């Protein structure tokens, strides 16, 4: 798998895990973090990772 493909896969998996945390872990009590907030952050990080990967691939082809 190419480097861009690996980064896109990592970003997609991060988004999926973030969505699962955001939707299903809202009622889980953890002393330090609120898991639904962690899920939102993971979604944003995953989207940014996929977007940066797509921009880099686009610049290489242009």
PDB file of N, CA and C in Angstrom:
ATOM      1  N   UNK A   1       0.846  -1.168   0.000  1.00  0.00           N
ATOM      2  CA  UNK A   1       0.000   0.000   0.000  1.00  0.00           C
ATOM      3  C   UNK A   1       0.896   1.237   0.000  1.00  0.00           C
ATOM      4  N   UNK A   2       0.505   2.223  -0.768  1.00  0.00           N
ATOM      5  CA  UNK A   2       1.304   3.449  -0.853  1.00  0.00           C
ATOM      6  C   UNK A   2       1.175   4.254   0.439  1.00  0.00           C
ATOM      7  N   UNK A   3       2.074   5.197   0.569  1.00  0.00           N
ATOM      8  CA  UNK A   3       2.072   6.036   1.769  1.00  0.00           C
ATOM      9  C   UNK A   3       0.762   6.826   1.875  1.00  0.00           C
ATOM     10  N   UNK A   4       0.300   7.365   0.759  1.00  0.00           N
ATOM     11  CA  UNK A   4      -0.954   8.131   0.756  1.00  0.00           C
ATOM     12  C   UNK A   4      -2.138   7.228   1.117  1.00  0.00           C
ATOM     13  N   UNK A   5      -2.133   6.013   0.586  1.00  0.00           N
ATOM     14  CA  UNK A   5      -3.204   5.070   0.918  1.00  0.00           C
ATOM     15  C   UNK A   5      -3.224   4.710   2.390  1.00  0.00           C
ATOM     16  N   UNK A   6      -2.035   4.563   2.952  1.00  0.00           N
ATOM     17  CA  UNK A   6      -1.932   4.232   4.378  1.00  0.00           C
ATOM     18  C   UNK A   6      -2.459   5.390   5.235  1.00  0.00           C
ATOM     19  N   UNK A   7      -2.097   6.611   4.862  1.00  0.00           N
ATOM     20  CA  UNK A   7      -2.574   7.768   5.616  1.00  0.00           C
ATOM     21  C   UNK A   7      -4.088   7.944   5.483  1.00  0.00           C
ATOM     22  N   UNK A   8      -4.612   7.719   4.292  1.00  0.00           N
ATOM     23  CA  UNK A   8      -6.052   7.819   4.085  1.00  0.00           C
ATOM     24  C   UNK A   8      -6.793   6.759   4.893  1.00  0.00           C
ATOM     25  N   UNK A   9      -6.232   5.551   4.952  1.00  0.00           N
ATOM     26  CA  UNK A   9      -6.845   4.480   5.744  1.00  0.00           C
ATOM     27  C   UNK A   9      -6.808   4.815   7.223  1.00  0.00           C
ATOM     28  N   UNK A  10      -5.685   5.312   7.692  1.00  0.00           N
ATOM     29  CA  UNK A  10      -5.580   5.698   9.104  1.00  0.00           C
ATOM     30  C   UNK A  10      -6.586   6.787   9.454  1.00  0.00           C
ATOM     31  N   UNK A  11      -6.730   7.774   8.586  1.00  0.00           N
ATOM     32  CA  UNK A  11      -7.696   8.838   8.824  1.00  0.00           C
ATOM     33  C   UNK A  11      -9.124   8.330   8.850  1.00  0.00           C
ATOM     34  N   UNK A  12      -9.440   7.429   7.930  1.00  0.00           N
ATOM     35  CA  UNK A  12     -10.787   6.863   7.875  1.00  0.00           C
ATOM     36  C   UNK A  12     -11.098   6.044   9.117  1.00  0.00           C
ATOM     37  N   UNK A  13     -10.150   5.236   9.555  1.00  0.00           N
ATOM     38  CA  UNK A  13     -10.346   4.439  10.772  1.00  0.00           C
ATOM     39  C   UNK A  13     -10.492   5.352  11.985  1.00  0.00           C
ATOM     40  N   UNK A  14      -9.711   6.416  12.039  1.00  0.00           N
ATOM     41  CA  UNK A  14      -9.824   7.369  13.148  1.00  0.00           C
ATOM     42  C   UNK A  14     -11.204   8.011  13.171  1.00  0.00           C
ATOM     43  N   UNK A  15     -11.713   8.380  12.006  1.00  0.00           N
ATOM     44  CA  UNK A  15     -13.060   8.954  11.931  1.00  0.00           C
ATOM     45  C   UNK A  15     -14.098   7.950  12.410  1.00  0.00           C
ATOM     46  N   UNK A  16     -13.998   6.710  11.959  1.00  0.00           N
ATOM     47  CA  UNK A  16     -14.986   5.697  12.346  1.00  0.00           C
ATOM     48  C   UNK A  16     -14.965   5.444  13.860  1.00  0.00           C
ATOM     49  N   UNK A  17     -13.787   5.320  14.442  1.00  0.00           N
ATOM     50  CA  UNK A  17     -13.695   5.109  15.890  1.00  0.00           C
ATOM     51  C   UNK A  17     -14.231   6.329  16.630  1.00  0.00           C
ATOM     52  N   UNK A  18     -13.916   7.513  16.123  1.00  0.00           N
ATOM     53  CA  UNK A  18     -14.427   8.732  16.742  1.00  0.00           C
ATOM     54  C   UNK A  18     -15.941   8.812  16.709  1.00  0.00           C
ATOM     55  N   UNK A  19     -16.532   8.434  15.578  1.00  0.00           N
ATOM     56  CA  UNK A  19     -18.003   8.448  15.470  1.00  0.00           C
ATOM     57  C   UNK A  19     -18.608   7.447  16.454  1.00  0.00           C
ATOM     58  N   UNK A  20     -18.010   6.270  16.557  1.00  0.00           N
ATOM     59  CA  UNK A  20     -18.522   5.270  17.500  1.00  0.00           C
ATOM     60  C   UNK A  20     -18.451   5.783  18.940  1.00  0.00           C
ATOM     61  N   UNK A  21     -17.341   6.395  19.302  1.00  0.00           N
ATOM     62  CA  UNK A  21     -17.230   6.963  20.652  1.00  0.00           C
ATOM     63  C   UNK A  21     -18.238   8.081  20.861  1.00  0.00           C
ATOM     64  N   UNK A  22     -18.368   8.936  19.890  1.00  0.00           N
ATOM     65  CA  UNK A  22     -19.251  10.084  19.989  1.00  0.00           C
ATOM     66  C   UNK A  22     -20.704   9.637  20.182  1.00  0.00           C
ATOM     67  N   UNK A  23     -21.111   8.622  19.436  1.00  0.00           N
ATOM     68  CA  UNK A  23     -22.511   8.196  19.467  1.00  0.00           C
ATOM     69  C   UNK A  23     -22.813   7.275  20.646  1.00  0.00           C
ATOM     70  N   UNK A  24     -21.938   6.312  20.897  1.00  0.00           N
ATOM     71  CA  UNK A  24     -22.272   5.256  21.842  1.00  0.00           C
ATOM     72  C   UNK A  24     -21.638   5.379  23.221  1.00  0.00           C
ATOM     73  N   UNK A  25     -20.659   6.236  23.409  1.00  0.00           N
ATOM     74  CA  UNK A  25     -19.974   6.278  24.700  1.00  0.00           C
ATOM     75  C   UNK A  25     -20.319   7.527  25.501  1.00  0.00           C
ATOM     76  N   UNK A  26     -21.400   8.192  25.165  1.00  0.00           N
ATOM     77  CA  UNK A  26     -21.774   9.417  25.865  1.00  0.00           C
ATOM     78  C   UNK A  26     -22.121   9.201  27.326  1.00  0.00           C
ATOM     79  N   UNK A  27     -22.676   8.066  27.671  1.00  0.00           N
ATOM     80  CA  UNK A  27     -23.090   7.813  29.040  1.00  0.00           C
ATOM     81  C   UNK A  27     -22.061   7.087  29.885  1.00  0.00           C
ATOM     82  N   UNK A  28     -20.922   6.771  29.326  1.00  0.00           N
ATOM     83  CA  UNK A  28     -19.889   6.042  30.053  1.00  0.00           C
ATOM     84  C   UNK A  28     -19.114   7.021  30.930  1.00  0.00           C
ATOM     85  N   UNK A  29     -18.977   6.685  32.202  1.00  0.00           N
ATOM     86  CA  UNK A  29     -18.262   7.544  33.136  1.00  0.00           C
ATOM     87  C   UNK A  29     -16.785   7.176  33.177  1.00  0.00           C
ATOM     88  N   UNK A  30     -15.937   8.119  32.815  1.00  0.00           N
ATOM     89  CA  UNK A  30     -14.490   7.980  32.911  1.00  0.00           C
ATOM     90  C   UNK A  30     -14.013   9.172  33.738  1.00  0.00           C
ATOM     91  N   UNK A  31     -13.144   8.959  34.730  1.00  0.00           N
ATOM     92  CA  UNK A  31     -12.790  10.055  35.638  1.00  0.00           C
ATOM     93  C   UNK A  31     -12.170  11.286  34.969  1.00  0.00           C
ATOM     94  N   UNK A  32     -11.402  11.116  33.916  1.00  0.00           N
ATOM     95  CA  UNK A  32     -10.643  12.242  33.372  1.00  0.00           C
ATOM     96  C   UNK A  32     -11.294  12.853  32.135  1.00  0.00           C
ATOM     97  N   UNK A  33     -11.810  12.022  31.227  1.00  0.00           N
ATOM     98  CA  UNK A  33     -12.304  12.496  29.938  1.00  0.00           C
ATOM     99  C   UNK A  33     -13.782  12.187  29.782  1.00  0.00           C
ATOM    100  N   UNK A  34     -14.438  12.990  28.951  1.00  0.00           N
ATOM    101  CA  UNK A  34     -15.774  12.647  28.483  1.00  0.00           C
ATOM    102  C   UNK A  34     -15.594  12.005  27.117  1.00  0.00           C
ATOM    103  N   UNK A  35     -16.000  10.741  27.000  1.00  0.00           N
ATOM    104  CA  UNK A  35     -15.696   9.986  25.784  1.00  0.00           C
ATOM    105  C   UNK A  35     -16.382  10.539  24.539  1.00  0.00           C
ATOM    106  N   UNK A  36     -17.543  11.168  24.706  1.00  0.00           N
ATOM    107  CA  UNK A  36     -18.180  11.747  23.522  1.00  0.00           C
ATOM    108  C   UNK A  36     -17.366  12.928  22.995  1.00  0.00           C
ATOM    109  N   UNK A  37     -16.734  13.685  23.887  1.00  0.00           N
ATOM    110  CA  UNK A  37     -15.864  14.782  23.444  1.00  0.00           C
ATOM    111  C   UNK A  37     -14.596  14.243  22.778  1.00  0.00           C
ATOM    112  N   UNK A  38     -14.041  13.170  23.330  1.00  0.00           N
ATOM    113  CA  UNK A  38     -12.882  12.528  22.713  1.00  0.00           C
ATOM    114  C   UNK A  38     -13.254  12.039  21.314  1.00  0.00           C
ATOM    115  N   UNK A  39     -14.449  11.494  21.173  1.00  0.00           N
ATOM    116  CA  UNK A  39     -14.918  11.050  19.863  1.00  0.00           C
ATOM    117  C   UNK A  39     -14.992  12.186  18.864  1.00  0.00           C
ATOM    118  N   UNK A  40     -15.488  13.347  19.294  1.00  0.00           N
ATOM    119  CA  UNK A  40     -15.566  14.501  18.395  1.00  0.00           C
ATOM    120  C   UNK A  40     -14.170  14.932  17.948  1.00  0.00           C
ATOM    121  N   UNK A  41     -13.230  14.951  18.879  1.00  0.00           N
ATOM    122  CA  UNK A  41     -11.861  15.338  18.532  1.00  0.00           C
ATOM    123  C   UNK A  41     -11.263  14.338  17.544  1.00  0.00           C
ATOM    124  N   UNK A  42     -11.507  13.052  17.761  1.00  0.00           N
ATOM    125  CA  UNK A  42     -10.978  12.035  16.846  1.00  0.00           C
ATOM    126  C   UNK A  42     -11.574  12.180  15.449  1.00  0.00           C
ATOM    127  N   UNK A  43     -12.852  12.518  15.371  1.00  0.00           N
ATOM    128  CA  UNK A  43     -13.482  12.734  14.064  1.00  0.00           C
ATOM    129  C   UNK A  43     -12.799  13.889  13.340  1.00  0.00           C
ATOM    130  N   UNK A  44     -12.578  14.983  14.047  1.00  0.00           N
ATOM    131  CA  UNK A  44     -11.940  16.141  13.424  1.00  0.00           C
ATOM    132  C   UNK A  44     -10.517  15.804  12.973  1.00  0.00           C
ATOM    133  N   UNK A  45      -9.756  15.121  13.830  1.00  0.00           N
ATOM    134  CA  UNK A  45      -8.386  14.752  13.489  1.00  0.00           C
ATOM    135  C   UNK A  45      -8.372  13.822  12.271  1.00  0.00           C
ATOM    136  N   UNK A  46      -9.280  12.860  12.229  1.00  0.00           N
ATOM    137  CA  UNK A  46      -9.349  11.948  11.091  1.00  0.00           C
ATOM    138  C   UNK A  46      -9.704  12.653   9.801  1.00  0.00           C
ATOM    139  N   UNK A  47     -10.646  13.588   9.869  1.00  0.00           N
ATOM    140  CA  UNK A  47     -11.027  14.347   8.672  1.00  0.00           C
ATOM    141  C   UNK A  47      -9.855  15.189   8.182  1.00  0.00           C
ATOM    142  N   UNK A  48      -9.144  15.812   9.111  1.00  0.00           N
ATOM    143  CA  UNK A  48      -7.978  16.618   8.724  1.00  0.00           C
ATOM    144  C   UNK A  48      -6.916  15.729   8.080  1.00  0.00           C
ATOM    145  N   UNK A  49      -6.698  14.552   8.641  1.00  0.00           N
ATOM    146  CA  UNK A  49      -5.689  13.651   8.075  1.00  0.00           C
ATOM    147  C   UNK A  49      -6.053  13.222   6.657  1.00  0.00           C
ATOM    148  N   UNK A  50      -7.298  12.886   6.435  1.00  0.00           N
ATOM    149  CA  UNK A  50      -7.728  12.500   5.089  1.00  0.00           C
ATOM    150  C   UNK A  50      -7.630  13.691   4.138  1.00  0.00           C
ATOM    151  N   UNK A  51      -8.028  14.873   4.597  1.00  0.00           N
ATOM    152  CA  UNK A  51      -7.974  16.061   3.742  1.00  0.00           C
ATOM    153  C   UNK A  51      -6.534  16.401   3.355  1.00  0.00           C
ATOM    154  N   UNK A  52      -5.629  16.351   4.315  1.00  0.00           N
ATOM    155  CA  UNK A  52      -4.226  16.654   4.010  1.00  0.00           C
ATOM    156  C   UNK A  52      -3.670  15.630   3.022  1.00  0.00           C
ATOM    157  N   UNK A  53      -4.038  14.380   3.203  1.00  0.00           N
ATOM    158  CA  UNK A  53      -3.578  13.346   2.276  1.00  0.00           C
ATOM    159  C   UNK A  53      -4.088  13.611   0.869  1.00  0.00           C
ATOM    160  N   UNK A  54      -5.351  13.966   0.740  1.00  0.00           N
ATOM    161  CA  UNK A  54      -5.914  14.244  -0.584  1.00  0.00           C
ATOM    162  C   UNK A  54      -5.264  15.468  -1.219  1.00  0.00           C
ATOM    163  N   UNK A  55      -4.973  16.486  -0.427  1.00  0.00           N
ATOM    164  CA  UNK A  55      -4.311  17.680  -0.969  1.00  0.00           C
ATOM    165  C   UNK A  55      -2.909  17.333  -1.452  1.00  0.00           C
ATOM    166  N   UNK A  56      -2.180  16.541  -0.665  1.00  0.00           N
ATOM    167  CA  UNK A  56      -0.826  16.163  -1.068  1.00  0.00           C
ATOM    168  C   UNK A  56      -0.831  15.330  -2.340  1.00  0.00           C
ATOM    169  N   UNK A  57      -1.784  14.413  -2.442  1.00  0.00           N
ATOM    170  CA  UNK A  57      -1.878  13.595  -3.657  1.00  0.00           C
ATOM    171  C   UNK A  57      -2.237  14.484  -4.842  1.00  0.00           C
ATOM    172  N   UNK A  58      -3.112  15.443  -4.646  1.00  0.00           N
ATOM    173  CA  UNK A  58      -3.486  16.358  -5.715  1.00  0.00           C
ATOM    174  C   UNK A  58      -2.329  17.219  -6.180  1.00  0.00           C
ATOM    175  N   UNK A  59      -1.500  17.667  -5.246  1.00  0.00           N
ATOM    176  CA  UNK A  59      -0.343  18.486  -5.623  1.00  0.00           C
ATOM    177  C   UNK A  59       0.700  17.664  -6.373  1.00  0.00           C
ATOM    178  N   UNK A  60       0.844  16.405  -6.017  1.00  0.00           N
ATOM    179  CA  UNK A  60       1.806  15.550  -6.719  1.00  0.00           C
ATOM    180  C   UNK A  60       1.405  15.323  -8.160  1.00  0.00           C
ATOM    181  N   UNK A  61       0.107  15.202  -8.396  1.00  0.00           N
ATOM    182  CA  UNK A  61      -0.370  14.900  -9.748  1.00  0.00           C
ATOM    183  C   UNK A  61      -0.454  16.137 -10.624  1.00  0.00           C
ATOM    184  N   UNK A  62      -0.501  17.290  -9.998  1.00  0.00           N
ATOM    185  CA  UNK A  62      -0.640  18.539 -10.775  1.00  0.00           C
ATOM    186  C   UNK A  62       0.679  19.008 -11.339  1.00  0.00           C
TER     187      UNK A  62
END
